[in-house]
Amino acid sequence: MLPAAELREDGLAGVEADGRRICLARTAEGVSAFDDVCPHRGTPLSEGRLRGGVLTCAAHTWEFDVRTGELLRLRAPACLAMHPAREREGMIEVAL
């Protein structure tokens, strides 16, 4: 799906898999994958900023924990649509 070396820590990458846009994120804990669309306004999350596992959407101040998909600091019922991801043989793989 994506060579693991192309995704640095606190990095984001937008990729396409089976016709879907997926955002990959690397934290100190490992790799996460989720739909590359903010549930609030539909902005690509891969255009946001990742720091310490917290992704801030580029369009507004919504923040998500990329390890769990949880929306932080707001009481809205929006979460990220998470997908299992792993590093294997130098590649990042995502199960859809």
PDB file of N, CA and C in Angstrom:
ATOM      1  N   MET A   1       0.822  -1.190   0.000  1.00  0.00           N
ATOM      2  CA  MET A   1       0.000   0.000   0.000  1.00  0.00           C
ATOM      3  C   MET A   1       0.866   1.253   0.000  1.00  0.00           C
ATOM      4  N   LEU A   2       1.784   1.364   0.994  1.00  0.00           N
ATOM      5  CA  LEU A   2       2.707   2.489   1.041  1.00  0.00           C
ATOM      6  C   LEU A   2       3.997   1.989   1.680  1.00  0.00           C
ATOM      7  N   PRO A   3       5.158   2.305   1.075  1.00  0.00           N
ATOM      8  CA  PRO A   3       6.408   1.935   1.729  1.00  0.00           C
ATOM      9  C   PRO A   3       6.495   2.587   3.111  1.00  0.00           C
ATOM     10  N   ALA A   4       6.815   1.804   4.119  1.00  0.00           N
ATOM     11  CA  ALA A   4       6.847   2.296   5.501  1.00  0.00           C
ATOM     12  C   ALA A   4       7.821   3.452   5.673  1.00  0.00           C
ATOM     13  N   ALA A   5       8.905   3.450   4.919  1.00  0.00           N
ATOM     14  CA  ALA A   5       9.915   4.503   5.039  1.00  0.00           C
ATOM     15  C   ALA A   5       9.387   5.872   4.595  1.00  0.00           C
ATOM     16  N   GLU A   6       8.292   5.911   3.855  1.00  0.00           N
ATOM     17  CA  GLU A   6       7.735   7.180   3.375  1.00  0.00           C
ATOM     18  C   GLU A   6       6.854   7.882   4.415  1.00  0.00           C
ATOM     19  N   LEU A   7       6.585   7.215   5.536  1.00  0.00           N
ATOM     20  CA  LEU A   7       5.723   7.811   6.562  1.00  0.00           C
ATOM     21  C   LEU A   7       6.523   7.991   7.844  1.00  0.00           C
ATOM     22  N   ARG A   8       6.956   9.220   8.084  1.00  0.00           N
ATOM     23  CA  ARG A   8       7.766   9.509   9.273  1.00  0.00           C
ATOM     24  C   ARG A   8       6.873   9.646  10.510  1.00  0.00           C
ATOM     25  N   GLU A   9       7.482   9.641  11.701  1.00  0.00           N
ATOM     26  CA  GLU A   9       6.707   9.834  12.928  1.00  0.00           C
ATOM     27  C   GLU A   9       6.050  11.215  12.914  1.00  0.00           C
ATOM     28  N   ASP A  10       4.827  11.270  13.400  1.00  0.00           N
ATOM     29  CA  ASP A  10       3.980  12.463  13.346  1.00  0.00           C
ATOM     30  C   ASP A  10       3.699  12.881  11.900  1.00  0.00           C
ATOM     31  N   GLY A  11       3.721  11.886  11.000  1.00  0.00           N
ATOM     32  CA  GLY A  11       3.447  12.154   9.598  1.00  0.00           C
ATOM     33  C   GLY A  11       2.097  11.615   9.173  1.00  0.00           C
ATOM     34  N   LEU A  12       1.546  12.230   8.126  1.00  0.00           N
ATOM     35  CA  LEU A  12       0.275  11.824   7.530  1.00  0.00           C
ATOM     36  C   LEU A  12       0.499  11.567   6.047  1.00  0.00           C
ATOM     37  N   ALA A  13      -0.267  10.630   5.492  1.00  0.00           N
ATOM     38  CA  ALA A  13      -0.213  10.381   4.059  1.00  0.00           C
ATOM     39  C   ALA A  13      -1.597   9.980   3.578  1.00  0.00           C
ATOM     40  N   GLY A  14      -2.032  10.601   2.510  1.00  0.00           N
ATOM     41  CA  GLY A  14      -3.291  10.217   1.876  1.00  0.00           C
ATOM     42  C   GLY A  14      -2.998   9.226   0.767  1.00  0.00           C
ATOM     43  N   VAL A  15      -3.689   8.096   0.780  1.00  0.00           N
ATOM     44  CA  VAL A  15      -3.508   7.055  -0.236  1.00  0.00           C
ATOM     45  C   VAL A  15      -4.881   6.594  -0.710  1.00  0.00           C
ATOM     46  N   GLU A  16      -4.891   5.872  -1.819  1.00  0.00           N
ATOM     47  CA  GLU A  16      -6.138   5.296  -2.307  1.00  0.00           C
ATOM     48  C   GLU A  16      -6.028   3.786  -2.256  1.00  0.00           C
ATOM     49  N   ALA A  17      -7.094   3.135  -1.775  1.00  0.00           N
ATOM     50  CA  ALA A  17      -7.150   1.675  -1.699  1.00  0.00           C
ATOM     51  C   ALA A  17      -8.566   1.231  -2.039  1.00  0.00           C
ATOM     52  N   ASP A  18      -8.682   0.378  -3.028  1.00  0.00           N
ATOM     53  CA  ASP A  18     -10.001  -0.118  -3.459  1.00  0.00           C
ATOM     54  C   ASP A  18     -10.979   1.022  -3.723  1.00  0.00           C
ATOM     55  N   GLY A  19     -10.492   2.103  -4.342  1.00  0.00           N
ATOM     56  CA  GLY A  19     -11.352   3.227  -4.676  1.00  0.00           C
ATOM     57  C   GLY A  19     -11.717   4.136  -3.516  1.00  0.00           C
ATOM     58  N   ARG A  20     -11.104   3.941  -2.346  1.00  0.00           N
ATOM     59  CA  ARG A  20     -11.382   4.771  -1.167  1.00  0.00           C
ATOM     60  C   ARG A  20     -10.149   5.563  -0.818  1.00  0.00           C
ATOM     61  N   ARG A  21     -10.364   6.794  -0.360  1.00  0.00           N
ATOM     62  CA  ARG A  21      -9.264   7.616   0.144  1.00  0.00           C
ATOM     63  C   ARG A  21      -9.053   7.259   1.619  1.00  0.00           C
ATOM     64  N   ILE A  22      -7.822   6.899   1.942  1.00  0.00           N
ATOM     65  CA  ILE A  22      -7.436   6.497   3.297  1.00  0.00           C
ATOM     66  C   ILE A  22      -6.320   7.424   3.761  1.00  0.00           C
ATOM     67  N   CYS A  23      -6.368   7.808   5.025  1.00  0.00           N
ATOM     68  CA  CYS A  23      -5.297   8.585   5.635  1.00  0.00           C
ATOM     69  C   CYS A  23      -4.501   7.648   6.539  1.00  0.00           C
ATOM     70  N   LEU A  24      -3.185   7.644   6.358  1.00  0.00           N
ATOM     71  CA  LEU A  24      -2.281   6.889   7.224  1.00  0.00           C
ATOM     72  C   LEU A  24      -1.585   7.867   8.146  1.00  0.00           C
ATOM     73  N   ALA A  25      -1.406   7.468   9.396  1.00  0.00           N
ATOM     74  CA  ALA A  25      -0.740   8.316  10.386  1.00  0.00           C
ATOM     75  C   ALA A  25       0.249   7.462  11.168  1.00  0.00           C
ATOM     76  N   ARG A  26       1.430   8.026  11.435  1.00  0.00           N
ATOM     77  CA  ARG A  26       2.414   7.309  12.246  1.00  0.00           C
ATOM     78  C   ARG A  26       2.639   8.102  13.532  1.00  0.00           C
ATOM     79  N   THR A  27       2.496   7.395  14.658  1.00  0.00           N
ATOM     80  CA  THR A  27       2.813   7.956  15.968  1.00  0.00           C
ATOM     81  C   THR A  27       3.927   7.110  16.576  1.00  0.00           C
ATOM     82  N   ALA A  28       4.377   7.480  17.759  1.00  0.00           N
ATOM     83  CA  ALA A  28       5.394   6.688  18.452  1.00  0.00           C
ATOM     84  C   ALA A  28       4.895   5.279  18.732  1.00  0.00           C
ATOM     85  N   GLU A  29       3.562   5.114  18.823  1.00  0.00           N
ATOM     86  CA  GLU A  29       2.961   3.809  19.112  1.00  0.00           C
ATOM     87  C   GLU A  29       2.794   2.933  17.880  1.00  0.00           C
ATOM     88  N   GLY A  30       2.888   3.504  16.677  1.00  0.00           N
ATOM     89  CA  GLY A  30       2.733   2.707  15.468  1.00  0.00           C
ATOM     90  C   GLY A  30       1.940   3.433  14.400  1.00  0.00           C
ATOM     91  N   VAL A  31       1.345   2.640  13.499  1.00  0.00           N
ATOM     92  CA  VAL A  31       0.635   3.174  12.340  1.00  0.00           C
ATOM     93  C   VAL A  31      -0.870   3.024  12.537  1.00  0.00           C
ATOM     94  N   SER A  32      -1.615   4.052  12.129  1.00  0.00           N
ATOM     95  CA  SER A  32      -3.081   4.036  12.162  1.00  0.00           C
ATOM     96  C   SER A  32      -3.595   4.350  10.768  1.00  0.00           C
ATOM     97  N   ALA A  33      -4.823   3.894  10.490  1.00  0.00           N
ATOM     98  CA  ALA A  33      -5.456   4.172   9.204  1.00  0.00           C
ATOM     99  C   ALA A  33      -6.930   4.495   9.430  1.00  0.00           C
ATOM    100  N   PHE A  34      -7.447   5.443   8.645  1.00  0.00           N
ATOM    101  CA  PHE A  34      -8.843   5.851   8.763  1.00  0.00           C
ATOM    102  C   PHE A  34      -9.246   6.536   7.465  1.00  0.00           C
ATOM    103  N   ASP A  35     -10.544   6.676   7.247  1.00  0.00           N
ATOM    104  CA  ASP A  35     -11.027   7.359   6.050  1.00  0.00           C
ATOM    105  C   ASP A  35     -10.453   8.765   6.005  1.00  0.00           C
ATOM    106  N   ASP A  36     -10.006   9.185   4.834  1.00  0.00           N
ATOM    107  CA  ASP A  36      -9.358  10.489   4.667  1.00  0.00           C
ATOM    108  C   ASP A  36     -10.399  11.575   4.433  1.00  0.00           C
ATOM    109  N   VAL A  37     -11.325  11.685   5.379  1.00  0.00           N
ATOM    110  CA  VAL A  37     -12.377  12.695   5.279  1.00  0.00           C
ATOM    111  C   VAL A  37     -12.804  13.089   6.692  1.00  0.00           C
ATOM    112  N   CYS A  38     -12.812  14.370   6.954  1.00  0.00           N
ATOM    113  CA  CYS A  38     -13.281  14.845   8.253  1.00  0.00           C
ATOM    114  C   CYS A  38     -14.799  14.664   8.323  1.00  0.00           C
ATOM    115  N   PRO A  39     -15.315  14.072   9.396  1.00  0.00           N
ATOM    116  CA  PRO A  39     -16.763  13.879   9.505  1.00  0.00           C
ATOM    117  C   PRO A  39     -17.542  15.185   9.656  1.00  0.00           C
ATOM    118  N   HIS A  40     -16.849  16.274   9.893  1.00  0.00           N
ATOM    119  CA  HIS A  40     -17.515  17.565  10.065  1.00  0.00           C
ATOM    120  C   HIS A  40     -17.787  18.246   8.727  1.00  0.00           C
ATOM    121  N   ARG A  41     -16.730  18.453   7.927  1.00  0.00           N
ATOM    122  CA  ARG A  41     -16.891  19.198   6.677  1.00  0.00           C
ATOM    123  C   ARG A  41     -16.381  18.467   5.448  1.00  0.00           C
ATOM    124  N   GLY A  42     -15.896  17.252   5.601  1.00  0.00           N
ATOM    125  CA  GLY A  42     -15.442  16.485   4.449  1.00  0.00           C
ATOM    126  C   GLY A  42     -14.054  16.821   3.952  1.00  0.00           C
ATOM    127  N   THR A  43     -13.321  17.638   4.684  1.00  0.00           N
ATOM    128  CA  THR A  43     -11.957  18.011   4.310  1.00  0.00           C
ATOM    129  C   THR A  43     -11.038  16.795   4.398  1.00  0.00           C
ATOM    130  N   PRO A  44     -10.089  16.638   3.467  1.00  0.00           N
ATOM    131  CA  PRO A  44      -9.121  15.538   3.588  1.00  0.00           C
ATOM    132  C   PRO A  44      -8.286  15.691   4.864  1.00  0.00           C
ATOM    133  N   LEU A  45      -8.322  14.697   5.716  1.00  0.00           N
ATOM    134  CA  LEU A  45      -7.572  14.761   6.968  1.00  0.00           C
ATOM    135  C   LEU A  45      -6.068  14.673   6.738  1.00  0.00           C
ATOM    136  N   SER A  46      -5.657  14.100   5.607  1.00  0.00           N
ATOM    137  CA  SER A  46      -4.227  14.013   5.296  1.00  0.00           C
ATOM    138  C   SER A  46      -3.611  15.393   5.084  1.00  0.00           C
ATOM    139  N   GLU A  47      -4.433  16.429   4.948  1.00  0.00           N
ATOM    140  CA  GLU A  47      -3.937  17.802   4.820  1.00  0.00           C
ATOM    141  C   GLU A  47      -3.797  18.490   6.177  1.00  0.00           C
ATOM    142  N   GLY A  48      -4.148  17.781   7.243  1.00  0.00           N
ATOM    143  CA  GLY A  48      -4.083  18.345   8.589  1.00  0.00           C
ATOM    144  C   GLY A  48      -2.698  18.282   9.188  1.00  0.00           C
ATOM    145  N   ARG A  49      -2.643  18.463  10.517  1.00  0.00           N
ATOM    146  CA  ARG A  49      -1.386  18.448  11.258  1.00  0.00           C
ATOM    147  C   ARG A  49      -1.471  17.388  12.348  1.00  0.00           C
ATOM    148  N   LEU A  50      -0.422  16.584  12.483  1.00  0.00           N
ATOM    149  CA  LEU A  50      -0.371  15.528  13.492  1.00  0.00           C
ATOM    150  C   LEU A  50       0.750  15.827  14.470  1.00  0.00           C
ATOM    151  N   ARG A  51       0.395  15.847  15.761  1.00  0.00           N
ATOM    152  CA  ARG A  51       1.393  16.041  16.825  1.00  0.00           C
ATOM    153  C   ARG A  51       1.010  15.170  18.005  1.00  0.00           C
ATOM    154  N   GLY A  52       1.915  14.257  18.359  1.00  0.00           N
ATOM    155  CA  GLY A  52       1.705  13.421  19.529  1.00  0.00           C
ATOM    156  C   GLY A  52       0.416  12.604  19.493  1.00  0.00           C
ATOM    157  N   GLY A  53       0.017  12.155  18.317  1.00  0.00           N
ATOM    158  CA  GLY A  53      -1.187  11.351  18.192  1.00  0.00           C
ATOM    159  C   GLY A  53      -2.464  12.139  18.007  1.00  0.00           C
ATOM    160  N   VAL A  54      -2.366  13.479  18.037  1.00  0.00           N
ATOM    161  CA  VAL A  54      -3.548  14.332  17.873  1.00  0.00           C
ATOM    162  C   VAL A  54      -3.521  14.957  16.481  1.00  0.00           C
ATOM    163  N   LEU A  55      -4.541  14.672  15.704  1.00  0.00           N
ATOM    164  CA  LEU A  55      -4.687  15.211  14.349  1.00  0.00           C
ATOM    165  C   LEU A  55      -5.633  16.400  14.387  1.00  0.00           C
ATOM    166  N   THR A  56      -5.169  17.534  13.876  1.00  0.00           N
ATOM    167  CA  THR A  56      -6.000  18.732  13.761  1.00  0.00           C
ATOM    168  C   THR A  56      -6.376  18.899  12.302  1.00  0.00           C
ATOM    169  N   CYS A  57      -7.663  18.943  12.034  1.00  0.00           N
ATOM    170  CA  CYS A  57      -8.154  19.116  10.672  1.00  0.00           C
ATOM    171  C   CYS A  57      -7.692  20.461  10.125  1.00  0.00           C
ATOM    172  N   ALA A  58      -7.311  20.490   8.843  1.00  0.00           N
ATOM    173  CA  ALA A  58      -6.828  21.708   8.212  1.00  0.00           C
ATOM    174  C   ALA A  58      -7.925  22.757   8.044  1.00  0.00           C
ATOM    175  N   ALA A  59      -9.190  22.351   8.021  1.00  0.00           N
ATOM    176  CA  ALA A  59     -10.281  23.292   7.742  1.00  0.00           C
ATOM    177  C   ALA A  59     -10.802  24.009   8.985  1.00  0.00           C
ATOM    178  N   HIS A  60     -10.583  23.426  10.151  1.00  0.00           N
ATOM    179  CA  HIS A  60     -11.127  24.013  11.384  1.00  0.00           C
ATOM    180  C   HIS A  60     -10.362  23.444  12.567  1.00  0.00           C
ATOM    181  N   THR A  61     -10.839  23.597  13.744  1.00  0.00           N
ATOM    182  CA  THR A  61     -10.075  23.192  14.938  1.00  0.00           C
ATOM    183  C   THR A  61     -10.462  21.825  15.495  1.00  0.00           C
ATOM    184  N   TRP A  62     -11.239  21.038  14.761  1.00  0.00           N
ATOM    185  CA  TRP A  62     -11.575  19.719  15.291  1.00  0.00           C
ATOM    186  C   TRP A  62     -10.302  18.891  15.420  1.00  0.00           C
ATOM    187  N   GLU A  63     -10.178  18.192  16.552  1.00  0.00           N
ATOM    188  CA  GLU A  63      -9.009  17.361  16.818  1.00  0.00           C
ATOM    189  C   GLU A  63      -9.443  15.930  17.097  1.00  0.00           C
ATOM    190  N   PHE A  64      -8.661  14.990  16.566  1.00  0.00           N
ATOM    191  CA  PHE A  64      -8.950  13.569  16.718  1.00  0.00           C
ATOM    192  C   PHE A  64      -7.726  12.845  17.242  1.00  0.00           C
ATOM    193  N   ASP A  65      -7.936  11.811  18.053  1.00  0.00           N
ATOM    194  CA  ASP A  65      -6.866  10.914  18.462  1.00  0.00           C
ATOM    195  C   ASP A  65      -6.758   9.859  17.365  1.00  0.00           C
ATOM    196  N   VAL A  66      -5.644   9.819  16.633  1.00  0.00           N
ATOM    197  CA  VAL A  66      -5.516   8.895  15.506  1.00  0.00           C
ATOM    198  C   VAL A  66      -5.345   7.441  15.938  1.00  0.00           C
ATOM    199  N   ARG A  67      -5.073   7.213  17.219  1.00  0.00           N
ATOM    200  CA  ARG A  67      -4.929   5.838  17.703  1.00  0.00           C
ATOM    201  C   ARG A  67      -6.280   5.197  17.977  1.00  0.00           C
ATOM    202  N   THR A  68      -7.276   6.010  18.350  1.00  0.00           N
ATOM    203  CA  THR A  68      -8.596   5.482  18.710  1.00  0.00           C
ATOM    204  C   THR A  68      -9.710   5.971  17.798  1.00  0.00           C
ATOM    205  N   GLY A  69      -9.468   7.080  17.092  1.00  0.00           N
ATOM    206  CA  GLY A  69     -10.497   7.697  16.258  1.00  0.00           C
ATOM    207  C   GLY A  69     -11.378   8.669  17.003  1.00  0.00           C
ATOM    208  N   GLU A  70     -11.169   8.808  18.296  1.00  0.00           N
ATOM    209  CA  GLU A  70     -12.027   9.637  19.143  1.00  0.00           C
ATOM    210  C   GLU A  70     -11.865  11.123  18.829  1.00  0.00           C
ATOM    211  N   LEU A  71     -13.002  11.825  18.800  1.00  0.00           N
ATOM    212  CA  LEU A  71     -13.012  13.277  18.680  1.00  0.00           C
ATOM    213  C   LEU A  71     -12.669  13.853  20.048  1.00  0.00           C
ATOM    214  N   LEU A  72     -11.726  14.787  20.084  1.00  0.00           N
ATOM    215  CA  LEU A  72     -11.267  15.362  21.350  1.00  0.00           C
ATOM    216  C   LEU A  72     -11.868  16.740  21.579  1.00  0.00           C
ATOM    217  N   ARG A  73     -12.091  17.091  22.824  1.00  0.00           N
ATOM    218  CA  ARG A  73     -12.504  18.416  23.299  1.00  0.00           C
ATOM    219  C   ARG A  73     -13.907  18.857  22.912  1.00  0.00           C
ATOM    220  N   LEU A  74     -14.629  18.126  22.121  1.00  0.00           N
ATOM    221  CA  LEU A  74     -16.004  18.495  21.787  1.00  0.00           C
ATOM    222  C   LEU A  74     -16.926  17.358  22.207  1.00  0.00           C
ATOM    223  N   ARG A  75     -18.176  17.643  22.347  1.00  0.00           N
ATOM    224  CA  ARG A  75     -19.126  16.612  22.755  1.00  0.00           C
ATOM    225  C   ARG A  75     -19.994  16.137  21.597  1.00  0.00           C
ATOM    226  N   ALA A  76     -19.497  16.308  20.391  1.00  0.00           N
ATOM    227  CA  ALA A  76     -20.223  15.834  19.206  1.00  0.00           C
ATOM    228  C   ALA A  76     -19.981  14.338  19.026  1.00  0.00           C
ATOM    229  N   PRO A  77     -20.897  13.630  18.416  1.00  0.00           N
ATOM    230  CA  PRO A  77     -20.757  12.178  18.256  1.00  0.00           C
ATOM    231  C   PRO A  77     -19.923  11.777  17.041  1.00  0.00           C
ATOM    232  N   ALA A  78     -19.013  12.621  16.588  1.00  0.00           N
ATOM    233  CA  ALA A  78     -18.225  12.312  15.399  1.00  0.00           C
ATOM    234  C   ALA A  78     -16.923  11.617  15.780  1.00  0.00           C
ATOM    235  N   CYS A  79     -16.602  10.573  15.057  1.00  0.00           N
ATOM    236  CA  CYS A  79     -15.347   9.846  15.246  1.00  0.00           C
ATOM    237  C   CYS A  79     -14.777   9.533  13.870  1.00  0.00           C
ATOM    238  N   LEU A  80     -13.528   9.117  13.844  1.00  0.00           N
ATOM    239  CA  LEU A  80     -12.925   8.692  12.595  1.00  0.00           C
ATOM    240  C   LEU A  80     -13.352   7.265  12.281  1.00  0.00           C
ATOM    241  N   ALA A  81     -13.521   6.964  10.997  1.00  0.00           N
ATOM    242  CA  ALA A  81     -13.811   5.595  10.553  1.00  0.00           C
ATOM    243  C   ALA A  81     -12.466   4.878  10.437  1.00  0.00           C
ATOM    244  N   MET A  82     -12.121   4.120  11.487  1.00  0.00           N
ATOM    245  CA  MET A  82     -10.810   3.482  11.594  1.00  0.00           C
ATOM    246  C   MET A  82     -10.758   2.170  10.819  1.00  0.00           C
ATOM    247  N   HIS A  83      -9.525   1.803  10.390  1.00  0.00           N
ATOM    248  CA  HIS A  83      -9.267   0.544   9.694  1.00  0.00           C
ATOM    249  C   HIS A  83      -8.018  -0.090  10.298  1.00  0.00           C
ATOM    250  N   PRO A  84      -7.994  -1.412  10.435  1.00  0.00           N
ATOM    251  CA  PRO A  84      -6.785  -2.072  10.938  1.00  0.00           C
ATOM    252  C   PRO A  84      -5.601  -1.815  10.001  1.00  0.00           C
ATOM    253  N   ALA A  85      -4.448  -1.499  10.583  1.00  0.00           N
ATOM    254  CA  ALA A  85      -3.238  -1.233   9.793  1.00  0.00           C
ATOM    255  C   ALA A  85      -2.050  -1.903  10.474  1.00  0.00           C
ATOM    256  N   ARG A  86      -1.055  -2.240   9.649  1.00  0.00           N
ATOM    257  CA  ARG A  86       0.162  -2.838  10.192  1.00  0.00           C
ATOM    258  C   ARG A  86       1.319  -2.586   9.238  1.00  0.00           C
ATOM    259  N   GLU A  87       2.523  -2.695   9.784  1.00  0.00           N
ATOM    260  CA  GLU A  87       3.734  -2.673   8.974  1.00  0.00           C
ATOM    261  C   GLU A  87       4.170  -4.103   8.773  1.00  0.00           C
ATOM    262  N   ARG A  88       4.446  -4.459   7.519  1.00  0.00           N
ATOM    263  CA  ARG A  88       4.896  -5.820   7.216  1.00  0.00           C
ATOM    264  C   ARG A  88       5.831  -5.774   6.021  1.00  0.00           C
ATOM    265  N   GLU A  89       7.025  -6.315   6.202  1.00  0.00           N
ATOM    266  CA  GLU A  89       8.024  -6.401   5.139  1.00  0.00           C
ATOM    267  C   GLU A  89       8.265  -5.054   4.460  1.00  0.00           C
ATOM    268  N   GLY A  90       8.365  -3.994   5.270  1.00  0.00           N
ATOM    269  CA  GLY A  90       8.686  -2.678   4.768  1.00  0.00           C
ATOM    270  C   GLY A  90       7.537  -1.913   4.138  1.00  0.00           C
ATOM    271  N   MET A  91       6.320  -2.444   4.246  1.00  0.00           N
ATOM    272  CA  MET A  91       5.144  -1.792   3.683  1.00  0.00           C
ATOM    273  C   MET A  91       4.111  -1.552   4.784  1.00  0.00           C
ATOM    274  N   ILE A  92       3.289  -0.540   4.603  1.00  0.00           N
ATOM    275  CA  ILE A  92       2.142  -0.315   5.483  1.00  0.00           C
ATOM    276  C   ILE A  92       0.931  -0.898   4.777  1.00  0.00           C
ATOM    277  N   GLU A  93       0.251  -1.806   5.444  1.00  0.00           N
ATOM    278  CA  GLU A  93      -0.934  -2.468   4.893  1.00  0.00           C
ATOM    279  C   GLU A  93      -2.160  -2.076   5.692  1.00  0.00           C
ATOM    280  N   VAL A  94      -3.282  -1.961   5.001  1.00  0.00           N
ATOM    281  CA  VAL A  94      -4.553  -1.599   5.624  1.00  0.00           C
ATOM    282  C   VAL A  94      -5.602  -2.625   5.203  1.00  0.00           C
ATOM    283  N   ALA A  95      -6.388  -3.086   6.177  1.00  0.00           N
ATOM    284  CA  ALA A  95      -7.508  -3.995   5.882  1.00  0.00           C
ATOM    285  C   ALA A  95      -8.783  -3.169   5.773  1.00  0.00           C
ATOM    286  N   LEU A  96      -9.448  -3.272   4.629  1.00  0.00           N
ATOM    287  CA  LEU A  96     -10.697  -2.542   4.421  1.00  0.00           C
ATOM    288  C   LEU A  96     -11.877  -3.487   4.502  1.00  0.00           C
TER     289      LEU A  96
END
